[in-house]
Amino acid sequence: MTAEEKHDAECEFTRNLLCGMVQQAVEDLRSEKVFMSKQLNAHQEIDRDTALHFIRSKAFQGICDVLSLPADKIKTQALKYESRD
């Protein structure tokens, strides 16, 4: 593997990782699962709170800017699920 190929692979890995973070945050906010286990419901609520914090953060905006993702559109879609309680 050449140095250029290695660099390209590292960039692709980083891009995929960051896109995965954004996708998971949106999915965590969309989730409507209800578990029999109080512990699993508590974990899901923590995931939703963490996702909400991430979506509203400057880090999210920065990631979207670097990856040329439509931050406002993603945020609007994700946050419409936030107020369903």
PDB file of N, CA and C in Angstrom:
ATOM      1  N   MET A   1       0.860  -1.182   0.000  1.00  0.00           N
ATOM      2  CA  MET A   1       0.000   0.000   0.000  1.00  0.00           C
ATOM      3  C   MET A   1       0.899   1.236   0.000  1.00  0.00           C
ATOM      4  N   THR A   2       0.630   2.121  -0.926  1.00  0.00           N
ATOM      5  CA  THR A   2       1.413   3.350  -1.013  1.00  0.00           C
ATOM      6  C   THR A   2       0.969   4.315   0.090  1.00  0.00           C
ATOM      7  N   ALA A   3       1.772   5.332   0.300  1.00  0.00           N
ATOM      8  CA  ALA A   3       1.441   6.343   1.304  1.00  0.00           C
ATOM      9  C   ALA A   3       0.140   7.058   0.936  1.00  0.00           C
ATOM     10  N   GLU A   4      -0.057   7.288  -0.350  1.00  0.00           N
ATOM     11  CA  GLU A   4      -1.291   7.949  -0.792  1.00  0.00           C
ATOM     12  C   GLU A   4      -2.509   7.059  -0.564  1.00  0.00           C
ATOM     13  N   GLU A   5      -2.381   5.775  -0.857  1.00  0.00           N
ATOM     14  CA  GLU A   5      -3.478   4.838  -0.621  1.00  0.00           C
ATOM     15  C   GLU A   5      -3.801   4.721   0.867  1.00  0.00           C
ATOM     16  N   LYS A   6      -2.757   4.720   1.677  1.00  0.00           N
ATOM     17  CA  LYS A   6      -2.963   4.659   3.127  1.00  0.00           C
ATOM     18  C   LYS A   6      -3.699   5.909   3.609  1.00  0.00           C
ATOM     19  N   HIS A   7      -3.282   7.061   3.120  1.00  0.00           N
ATOM     20  CA  HIS A   7      -3.934   8.318   3.498  1.00  0.00           C
ATOM     21  C   HIS A   7      -5.398   8.314   3.071  1.00  0.00           C
ATOM     22  N   ASP A   8      -5.664   7.868   1.836  1.00  0.00           N
ATOM     23  CA  ASP A   8      -7.035   7.801   1.339  1.00  0.00           C
ATOM     24  C   ASP A   8      -7.884   6.855   2.188  1.00  0.00           C
ATOM     25  N   ALA A   9      -7.314   5.719   2.566  1.00  0.00           N
ATOM     26  CA  ALA A   9      -8.038   4.751   3.403  1.00  0.00           C
ATOM     27  C   ALA A   9      -8.339   5.330   4.777  1.00  0.00           C
ATOM     28  N   GLU A  10      -7.385   6.041   5.344  1.00  0.00           N
ATOM     29  CA  GLU A  10      -7.598   6.670   6.649  1.00  0.00           C
ATOM     30  C   GLU A  10      -8.684   7.748   6.564  1.00  0.00           C
ATOM     31  N   CYS A  11      -8.678   8.519   5.497  1.00  0.00           N
ATOM     32  CA  CYS A  11      -9.702   9.554   5.308  1.00  0.00           C
ATOM     33  C   CYS A  11     -11.074   8.920   5.150  1.00  0.00           C
ATOM     34  N   GLU A  12     -11.157   7.850   4.381  1.00  0.00           N
ATOM     35  CA  GLU A  12     -12.427   7.161   4.173  1.00  0.00           C
ATOM     36  C   GLU A  12     -12.933   6.568   5.486  1.00  0.00           C
ATOM     37  N   PHE A  13     -12.032   5.991   6.271  1.00  0.00           N
ATOM     38  CA  PHE A  13     -12.407   5.438   7.575  1.00  0.00           C
ATOM     39  C   PHE A  13     -12.963   6.539   8.481  1.00  0.00           C
ATOM     40  N   THR A  14     -12.268   7.663   8.523  1.00  0.00           N
ATOM     41  CA  THR A  14     -12.697   8.778   9.367  1.00  0.00           C
ATOM     42  C   THR A  14     -14.047   9.309   8.914  1.00  0.00           C
ATOM     43  N   ARG A  15     -14.219   9.458   7.613  1.00  0.00           N
ATOM     44  CA  ARG A  15     -15.503   9.928   7.071  1.00  0.00           C
ATOM     45  C   ARG A  15     -16.626   8.971   7.453  1.00  0.00           C
ATOM     46  N   ASN A  16     -16.397   7.672   7.277  1.00  0.00           N
ATOM     47  CA  ASN A  16     -17.414   6.679   7.616  1.00  0.00           C
ATOM     48  C   ASN A  16     -17.740   6.699   9.104  1.00  0.00           C
ATOM     49  N   LEU A  17     -16.730   6.858   9.927  1.00  0.00           N
ATOM     50  CA  LEU A  17     -16.929   6.916  11.379  1.00  0.00           C
ATOM     51  C   LEU A  17     -17.784   8.134  11.760  1.00  0.00           C
ATOM     52  N   LEU A  18     -17.448   9.284  11.216  1.00  0.00           N
ATOM     53  CA  LEU A  18     -18.195  10.502  11.536  1.00  0.00           C
ATOM     54  C   LEU A  18     -19.621  10.445  10.997  1.00  0.00           C
ATOM     55  N   CYS A  19     -19.792   9.922   9.795  1.00  0.00           N
ATOM     56  CA  CYS A  19     -21.149   9.764   9.252  1.00  0.00           C
ATOM     57  C   CYS A  19     -21.952   8.796  10.122  1.00  0.00           C
ATOM     58  N   GLY A  20     -21.295   7.748  10.599  1.00  0.00           N
ATOM     59  CA  GLY A  20     -21.954   6.791  11.486  1.00  0.00           C
ATOM     60  C   GLY A  20     -22.401   7.434  12.783  1.00  0.00           C
ATOM     61  N   MET A  21     -21.596   8.345  13.313  1.00  0.00           N
ATOM     62  CA  MET A  21     -21.971   9.056  14.539  1.00  0.00           C
ATOM     63  C   MET A  21     -23.238   9.879  14.319  1.00  0.00           C
ATOM     64  N   VAL A  22     -23.296  10.576  13.204  1.00  0.00           N
ATOM     65  CA  VAL A  22     -24.468  11.397  12.883  1.00  0.00           C
ATOM     66  C   VAL A  22     -25.690  10.502  12.698  1.00  0.00           C
ATOM     67  N   GLN A  23     -25.535   9.423  11.938  1.00  0.00           N
ATOM     68  CA  GLN A  23     -26.657   8.506  11.705  1.00  0.00           C
ATOM     69  C   GLN A  23     -27.156   7.891  13.007  1.00  0.00           C
ATOM     70  N   GLN A  24     -26.244   7.492  13.893  1.00  0.00           N
ATOM     71  CA  GLN A  24     -26.660   6.875  15.151  1.00  0.00           C
ATOM     72  C   GLN A  24     -27.397   7.863  16.038  1.00  0.00           C
ATOM     73  N   ALA A  25     -26.938   9.112  16.059  1.00  0.00           N
ATOM     74  CA  ALA A  25     -27.626  10.129  16.855  1.00  0.00           C
ATOM     75  C   ALA A  25     -29.063  10.318  16.371  1.00  0.00           C
ATOM     76  N   VAL A  26     -29.236  10.379  15.063  1.00  0.00           N
ATOM     77  CA  VAL A  26     -30.584  10.537  14.505  1.00  0.00           C
ATOM     78  C   VAL A  26     -31.428   9.307  14.851  1.00  0.00           C
ATOM     79  N   GLU A  27     -30.875   8.126  14.702  1.00  0.00           N
ATOM     80  CA  GLU A  27     -31.615   6.897  15.017  1.00  0.00           C
ATOM     81  C   GLU A  27     -31.970   6.824  16.501  1.00  0.00           C
ATOM     82  N   ASP A  28     -31.074   7.255  17.363  1.00  0.00           N
ATOM     83  CA  ASP A  28     -31.368   7.252  18.799  1.00  0.00           C
ATOM     84  C   ASP A  28     -32.550   8.161  19.121  1.00  0.00           C
ATOM     85  N   LEU A  29     -32.646   9.280  18.436  1.00  0.00           N
ATOM     86  CA  LEU A  29     -33.769  10.186  18.661  1.00  0.00           C
ATOM     87  C   LEU A  29     -35.061   9.665  18.048  1.00  0.00           C
ATOM     88  N   ARG A  30     -34.960   8.907  16.977  1.00  0.00           N
ATOM     89  CA  ARG A  30     -36.148   8.353  16.315  1.00  0.00           C
ATOM     90  C   ARG A  30     -36.730   7.139  17.047  1.00  0.00           C
ATOM     91  N   SER A  31     -35.918   6.480  17.816  1.00  0.00           N
ATOM     92  CA  SER A  31     -36.321   5.206  18.416  1.00  0.00           C
ATOM     93  C   SER A  31     -37.564   5.359  19.291  1.00  0.00           C
ATOM     94  N   GLU A  32     -38.516   4.488  19.061  1.00  0.00           N
ATOM     95  CA  GLU A  32     -39.749   4.480  19.845  1.00  0.00           C
ATOM     96  C   GLU A  32     -39.906   3.161  20.597  1.00  0.00           C
ATOM     97  N   LYS A  33     -38.833   2.426  20.722  1.00  0.00           N
ATOM     98  CA  LYS A  33     -38.887   1.131  21.393  1.00  0.00           C
ATOM     99  C   LYS A  33     -39.255   1.307  22.859  1.00  0.00           C
ATOM    100  N   VAL A  34     -40.022   0.385  23.345  1.00  0.00           N
ATOM    101  CA  VAL A  34     -40.342   0.322  24.767  1.00  0.00           C
ATOM    102  C   VAL A  34     -39.997  -1.092  25.207  1.00  0.00           C
ATOM    103  N   PHE A  35     -39.162  -1.185  26.217  1.00  0.00           N
ATOM    104  CA  PHE A  35     -38.695  -2.476  26.692  1.00  0.00           C
ATOM    105  C   PHE A  35     -39.431  -2.887  27.959  1.00  0.00           C
ATOM    106  N   MET A  36     -39.474  -4.163  28.197  1.00  0.00           N
ATOM    107  CA  MET A  36     -40.038  -4.686  29.444  1.00  0.00           C
ATOM    108  C   MET A  36     -39.101  -4.334  30.610  1.00  0.00           C
ATOM    109  N   SER A  37     -37.831  -4.224  30.310  1.00  0.00           N
ATOM    110  CA  SER A  37     -36.812  -3.955  31.316  1.00  0.00           C
ATOM    111  C   SER A  37     -36.689  -2.457  31.589  1.00  0.00           C
ATOM    112  N   LYS A  38     -36.806  -2.083  32.857  1.00  0.00           N
ATOM    113  CA  LYS A  38     -36.611  -0.671  33.222  1.00  0.00           C
ATOM    114  C   LYS A  38     -35.192  -0.226  32.905  1.00  0.00           C
ATOM    115  N   GLN A  39     -34.246  -1.140  33.062  1.00  0.00           N
ATOM    116  CA  GLN A  39     -32.848  -0.804  32.806  1.00  0.00           C
ATOM    117  C   GLN A  39     -32.621  -0.475  31.321  1.00  0.00           C
ATOM    118  N   LEU A  40     -33.205  -1.277  30.426  1.00  0.00           N
ATOM    119  CA  LEU A  40     -33.055  -0.996  28.997  1.00  0.00           C
ATOM    120  C   LEU A  40     -33.745   0.300  28.610  1.00  0.00           C
ATOM    121  N   ASN A  41     -34.890   0.588  29.216  1.00  0.00           N
ATOM    122  CA  ASN A  41     -35.564   1.863  28.954  1.00  0.00           C
ATOM    123  C   ASN A  41     -34.714   3.028  29.442  1.00  0.00           C
ATOM    124  N   ALA A  42     -34.064   2.854  30.581  1.00  0.00           N
ATOM    125  CA  ALA A  42     -33.185   3.899  31.118  1.00  0.00           C
ATOM    126  C   ALA A  42     -31.992   4.117  30.189  1.00  0.00           C
ATOM    127  N   HIS A  43     -31.412   3.035  29.678  1.00  0.00           N
ATOM    128  CA  HIS A  43     -30.287   3.155  28.741  1.00  0.00           C
ATOM    129  C   HIS A  43     -30.715   3.870  27.461  1.00  0.00           C
ATOM    130  N   GLN A  44     -31.914   3.549  26.989  1.00  0.00           N
ATOM    131  CA  GLN A  44     -32.404   4.208  25.784  1.00  0.00           C
ATOM    132  C   GLN A  44     -32.600   5.701  26.024  1.00  0.00           C
ATOM    133  N   GLU A  45     -33.074   6.066  27.192  1.00  0.00           N
ATOM    134  CA  GLU A  45     -33.260   7.488  27.511  1.00  0.00           C
ATOM    135  C   GLU A  45     -31.913   8.209  27.572  1.00  0.00           C
ATOM    136  N   ILE A  46     -30.903   7.539  28.106  1.00  0.00           N
ATOM    137  CA  ILE A  46     -29.551   8.122  28.129  1.00  0.00           C
ATOM    138  C   ILE A  46     -29.057   8.305  26.699  1.00  0.00           C
ATOM    139  N   ASP A  47     -29.282   7.301  25.846  1.00  0.00           N
ATOM    140  CA  ASP A  47     -28.882   7.416  24.438  1.00  0.00           C
ATOM    141  C   ASP A  47     -29.576   8.598  23.769  1.00  0.00           C
ATOM    142  N   ARG A  48     -30.860   8.776  24.044  1.00  0.00           N
ATOM    143  CA  ARG A  48     -31.603   9.898  23.454  1.00  0.00           C
ATOM    144  C   ARG A  48     -31.053  11.238  23.955  1.00  0.00           C
ATOM    145  N   ASP A  49     -30.784  11.331  25.253  1.00  0.00           N
ATOM    146  CA  ASP A  49     -30.238  12.581  25.808  1.00  0.00           C
ATOM    147  C   ASP A  49     -28.872  12.902  25.208  1.00  0.00           C
ATOM    148  N   THR A  50     -28.038  11.872  25.071  1.00  0.00           N
ATOM    149  CA  THR A  50     -26.709  12.060  24.485  1.00  0.00           C
ATOM    150  C   THR A  50     -26.824  12.488  23.025  1.00  0.00           C
ATOM    151  N   ALA A  51     -27.718  11.843  22.293  1.00  0.00           N
ATOM    152  CA  ALA A  51     -27.925  12.197  20.880  1.00  0.00           C
ATOM    153  C   ALA A  51     -28.406  13.634  20.749  1.00  0.00           C
ATOM    154  N   LEU A  52     -29.324  14.026  21.603  1.00  0.00           N
ATOM    155  CA  LEU A  52     -29.850  15.390  21.577  1.00  0.00           C
ATOM    156  C   LEU A  52     -28.742  16.404  21.842  1.00  0.00           C
ATOM    157  N   HIS A  53     -27.912  16.120  22.828  1.00  0.00           N
ATOM    158  CA  HIS A  53     -26.786  17.000  23.141  1.00  0.00           C
ATOM    159  C   HIS A  53     -25.840  17.101  21.936  1.00  0.00           C
ATOM    160  N   PHE A  54     -25.553  15.969  21.306  1.00  0.00           N
ATOM    161  CA  PHE A  54     -24.656  15.948  20.154  1.00  0.00           C
ATOM    162  C   PHE A  54     -25.239  16.746  18.980  1.00  0.00           C
ATOM    163  N   ILE A  55     -26.501  16.514  18.657  1.00  0.00           N
ATOM    164  CA  ILE A  55     -27.141  17.191  17.524  1.00  0.00           C
ATOM    165  C   ILE A  55     -27.142  18.706  17.723  1.00  0.00           C
ATOM    166  N   ARG A  56     -27.247  19.146  18.956  1.00  0.00           N
ATOM    167  CA  ARG A  56     -27.271  20.592  19.245  1.00  0.00           C
ATOM    168  C   ARG A  56     -25.879  21.193  19.440  1.00  0.00           C
ATOM    169  N   SER A  57     -24.835  20.387  19.354  1.00  0.00           N
ATOM    170  CA  SER A  57     -23.485  20.843  19.672  1.00  0.00           C
ATOM    171  C   SER A  57     -22.772  21.505  18.482  1.00  0.00           C
ATOM    172  N   LYS A  58     -21.741  22.262  18.813  1.00  0.00           N
ATOM    173  CA  LYS A  58     -20.881  22.848  17.784  1.00  0.00           C
ATOM    174  C   LYS A  58     -20.103  21.755  17.067  1.00  0.00           C
ATOM    175  N   ALA A  59     -19.817  20.661  17.768  1.00  0.00           N
ATOM    176  CA  ALA A  59     -19.101  19.545  17.140  1.00  0.00           C
ATOM    177  C   ALA A  59     -19.910  18.980  15.976  1.00  0.00           C
ATOM    178  N   PHE A  60     -21.213  18.815  16.180  1.00  0.00           N
ATOM    179  CA  PHE A  60     -22.082  18.327  15.111  1.00  0.00           C
ATOM    180  C   PHE A  60     -22.009  19.243  13.905  1.00  0.00           C
ATOM    181  N   GLN A  61     -22.123  20.532  14.130  1.00  0.00           N
ATOM    182  CA  GLN A  61     -22.060  21.505  13.036  1.00  0.00           C
ATOM    183  C   GLN A  61     -20.714  21.412  12.329  1.00  0.00           C
ATOM    184  N   GLY A  62     -19.637  21.303  13.098  1.00  0.00           N
ATOM    185  CA  GLY A  62     -18.303  21.194  12.507  1.00  0.00           C
ATOM    186  C   GLY A  62     -18.140  19.935  11.669  1.00  0.00           C
ATOM    187  N   ILE A  63     -18.643  18.812  12.182  1.00  0.00           N
ATOM    188  CA  ILE A  63     -18.570  17.557  11.432  1.00  0.00           C
ATOM    189  C   ILE A  63     -19.342  17.689  10.119  1.00  0.00           C
ATOM    190  N   CYS A  64     -20.530  18.239  10.190  1.00  0.00           N
ATOM    191  CA  CYS A  64     -21.332  18.418   8.973  1.00  0.00           C
ATOM    192  C   CYS A  64     -20.640  19.340   7.978  1.00  0.00           C
ATOM    193  N   ASP A  65     -20.022  20.390   8.475  1.00  0.00           N
ATOM    194  CA  ASP A  65     -19.308  21.309   7.588  1.00  0.00           C
ATOM    195  C   ASP A  65     -18.162  20.599   6.876  1.00  0.00           C
ATOM    196  N   VAL A  66     -17.369  19.849   7.621  1.00  0.00           N
ATOM    197  CA  VAL A  66     -16.210  19.159   7.049  1.00  0.00           C
ATOM    198  C   VAL A  66     -16.647  18.103   6.037  1.00  0.00           C
ATOM    199  N   LEU A  67     -17.750  17.427   6.325  1.00  0.00           N
ATOM    200  CA  LEU A  67     -18.220  16.350   5.450  1.00  0.00           C
ATOM    201  C   LEU A  67     -19.208  16.830   4.386  1.00  0.00           C
ATOM    202  N   SER A  68     -19.467  18.116   4.356  1.00  0.00           N
ATOM    203  CA  SER A  68     -20.437  18.702   3.411  1.00  0.00           C
ATOM    204  C   SER A  68     -21.809  18.058   3.548  1.00  0.00           C
ATOM    205  N   LEU A  69     -22.232  17.868   4.785  1.00  0.00           N
ATOM    206  CA  LEU A  69     -23.559  17.330   5.074  1.00  0.00           C
ATOM    207  C   LEU A  69     -24.502  18.491   5.397  1.00  0.00           C
ATOM    208  N   PRO A  70     -25.784  18.367   5.074  1.00  0.00           N
ATOM    209  CA  PRO A  70     -26.747  19.441   5.352  1.00  0.00           C
ATOM    210  C   PRO A  70     -27.149  19.459   6.836  1.00  0.00           C
ATOM    211  N   ALA A  71     -26.367  20.136   7.649  1.00  0.00           N
ATOM    212  CA  ALA A  71     -26.571  20.132   9.104  1.00  0.00           C
ATOM    213  C   ALA A  71     -27.980  20.568   9.498  1.00  0.00           C
ATOM    214  N   ASP A  72     -28.473  21.630   8.904  1.00  0.00           N
ATOM    215  CA  ASP A  72     -29.798  22.136   9.280  1.00  0.00           C
ATOM    216  C   ASP A  72     -30.891  21.117   8.964  1.00  0.00           C
ATOM    217  N   LYS A  73     -30.788  20.495   7.813  1.00  0.00           N
ATOM    218  CA  LYS A  73     -31.783  19.497   7.417  1.00  0.00           C
ATOM    219  C   LYS A  73     -31.744  18.287   8.353  1.00  0.00           C
ATOM    220  N   ILE A  74     -30.543  17.818   8.667  1.00  0.00           N
ATOM    221  CA  ILE A  74     -30.395  16.677   9.583  1.00  0.00           C
ATOM    222  C   ILE A  74     -30.929  17.043  10.958  1.00  0.00           C
ATOM    223  N   LYS A  75     -30.556  18.220  11.436  1.00  0.00           N
ATOM    224  CA  LYS A  75     -30.993  18.669  12.755  1.00  0.00           C
ATOM    225  C   LYS A  75     -32.517  18.787  12.819  1.00  0.00           C
ATOM    226  N   THR A  76     -33.126  19.367  11.796  1.00  0.00           N
ATOM    227  CA  THR A  76     -34.587  19.506  11.761  1.00  0.00           C
ATOM    228  C   THR A  76     -35.263  18.146  11.816  1.00  0.00           C
ATOM    229  N   GLN A  77     -34.785  17.217  10.997  1.00  0.00           N
ATOM    230  CA  GLN A  77     -35.353  15.868  10.982  1.00  0.00           C
ATOM    231  C   GLN A  77     -35.196  15.186  12.335  1.00  0.00           C
ATOM    232  N   ALA A  78     -34.013  15.281  12.919  1.00  0.00           N
ATOM    233  CA  ALA A  78     -33.746  14.618  14.197  1.00  0.00           C
ATOM    234  C   ALA A  78     -34.559  15.218  15.328  1.00  0.00           C
ATOM    235  N   LEU A  79     -34.654  16.536  15.367  1.00  0.00           N
ATOM    236  CA  LEU A  79     -35.313  17.192  16.497  1.00  0.00           C
ATOM    237  C   LEU A  79     -36.833  17.102  16.432  1.00  0.00           C
ATOM    238  N   LYS A  80     -37.386  16.768  15.284  1.00  0.00           N
ATOM    239  CA  LYS A  80     -38.840  16.612  15.247  1.00  0.00           C
ATOM    240  C   LYS A  80     -39.281  15.401  16.061  1.00  0.00           C
ATOM    241  N   TYR A  81     -38.359  14.472  16.297  1.00  0.00           N
ATOM    242  CA  TYR A  81     -38.663  13.295  17.119  1.00  0.00           C
ATOM    243  C   TYR A  81     -38.456  13.596  18.611  1.00  0.00           C
ATOM    244  N   GLU A  82     -37.685  14.631  18.903  1.00  0.00           N
ATOM    245  CA  GLU A  82     -37.324  14.952  20.286  1.00  0.00           C
ATOM    246  C   GLU A  82     -38.522  15.389  21.096  1.00  0.00           C
ATOM    247  N   SER A  83     -39.477  16.068  20.500  1.00  0.00           N
ATOM    248  CA  SER A  83     -40.590  16.643  21.251  1.00  0.00           C
ATOM    249  C   SER A  83     -41.825  15.758  21.297  1.00  0.00           C
ATOM    250  N   ARG A  84     -41.678  14.489  21.028  1.00  0.00           N
ATOM    251  CA  ARG A  84     -42.839  13.587  20.990  1.00  0.00           C
ATOM    252  C   ARG A  84     -43.290  13.114  22.357  1.00  0.00           C
ATOM    253  N   ASP A  85     -42.522  13.388  23.409  1.00  0.00           N
ATOM    254  CA  ASP A  85     -42.870  12.929  24.765  1.00  0.00           C
ATOM    255  C   ASP A  85     -44.127  13.588  25.299  1.00  0.00           C
TER     256      ASP A  85
END
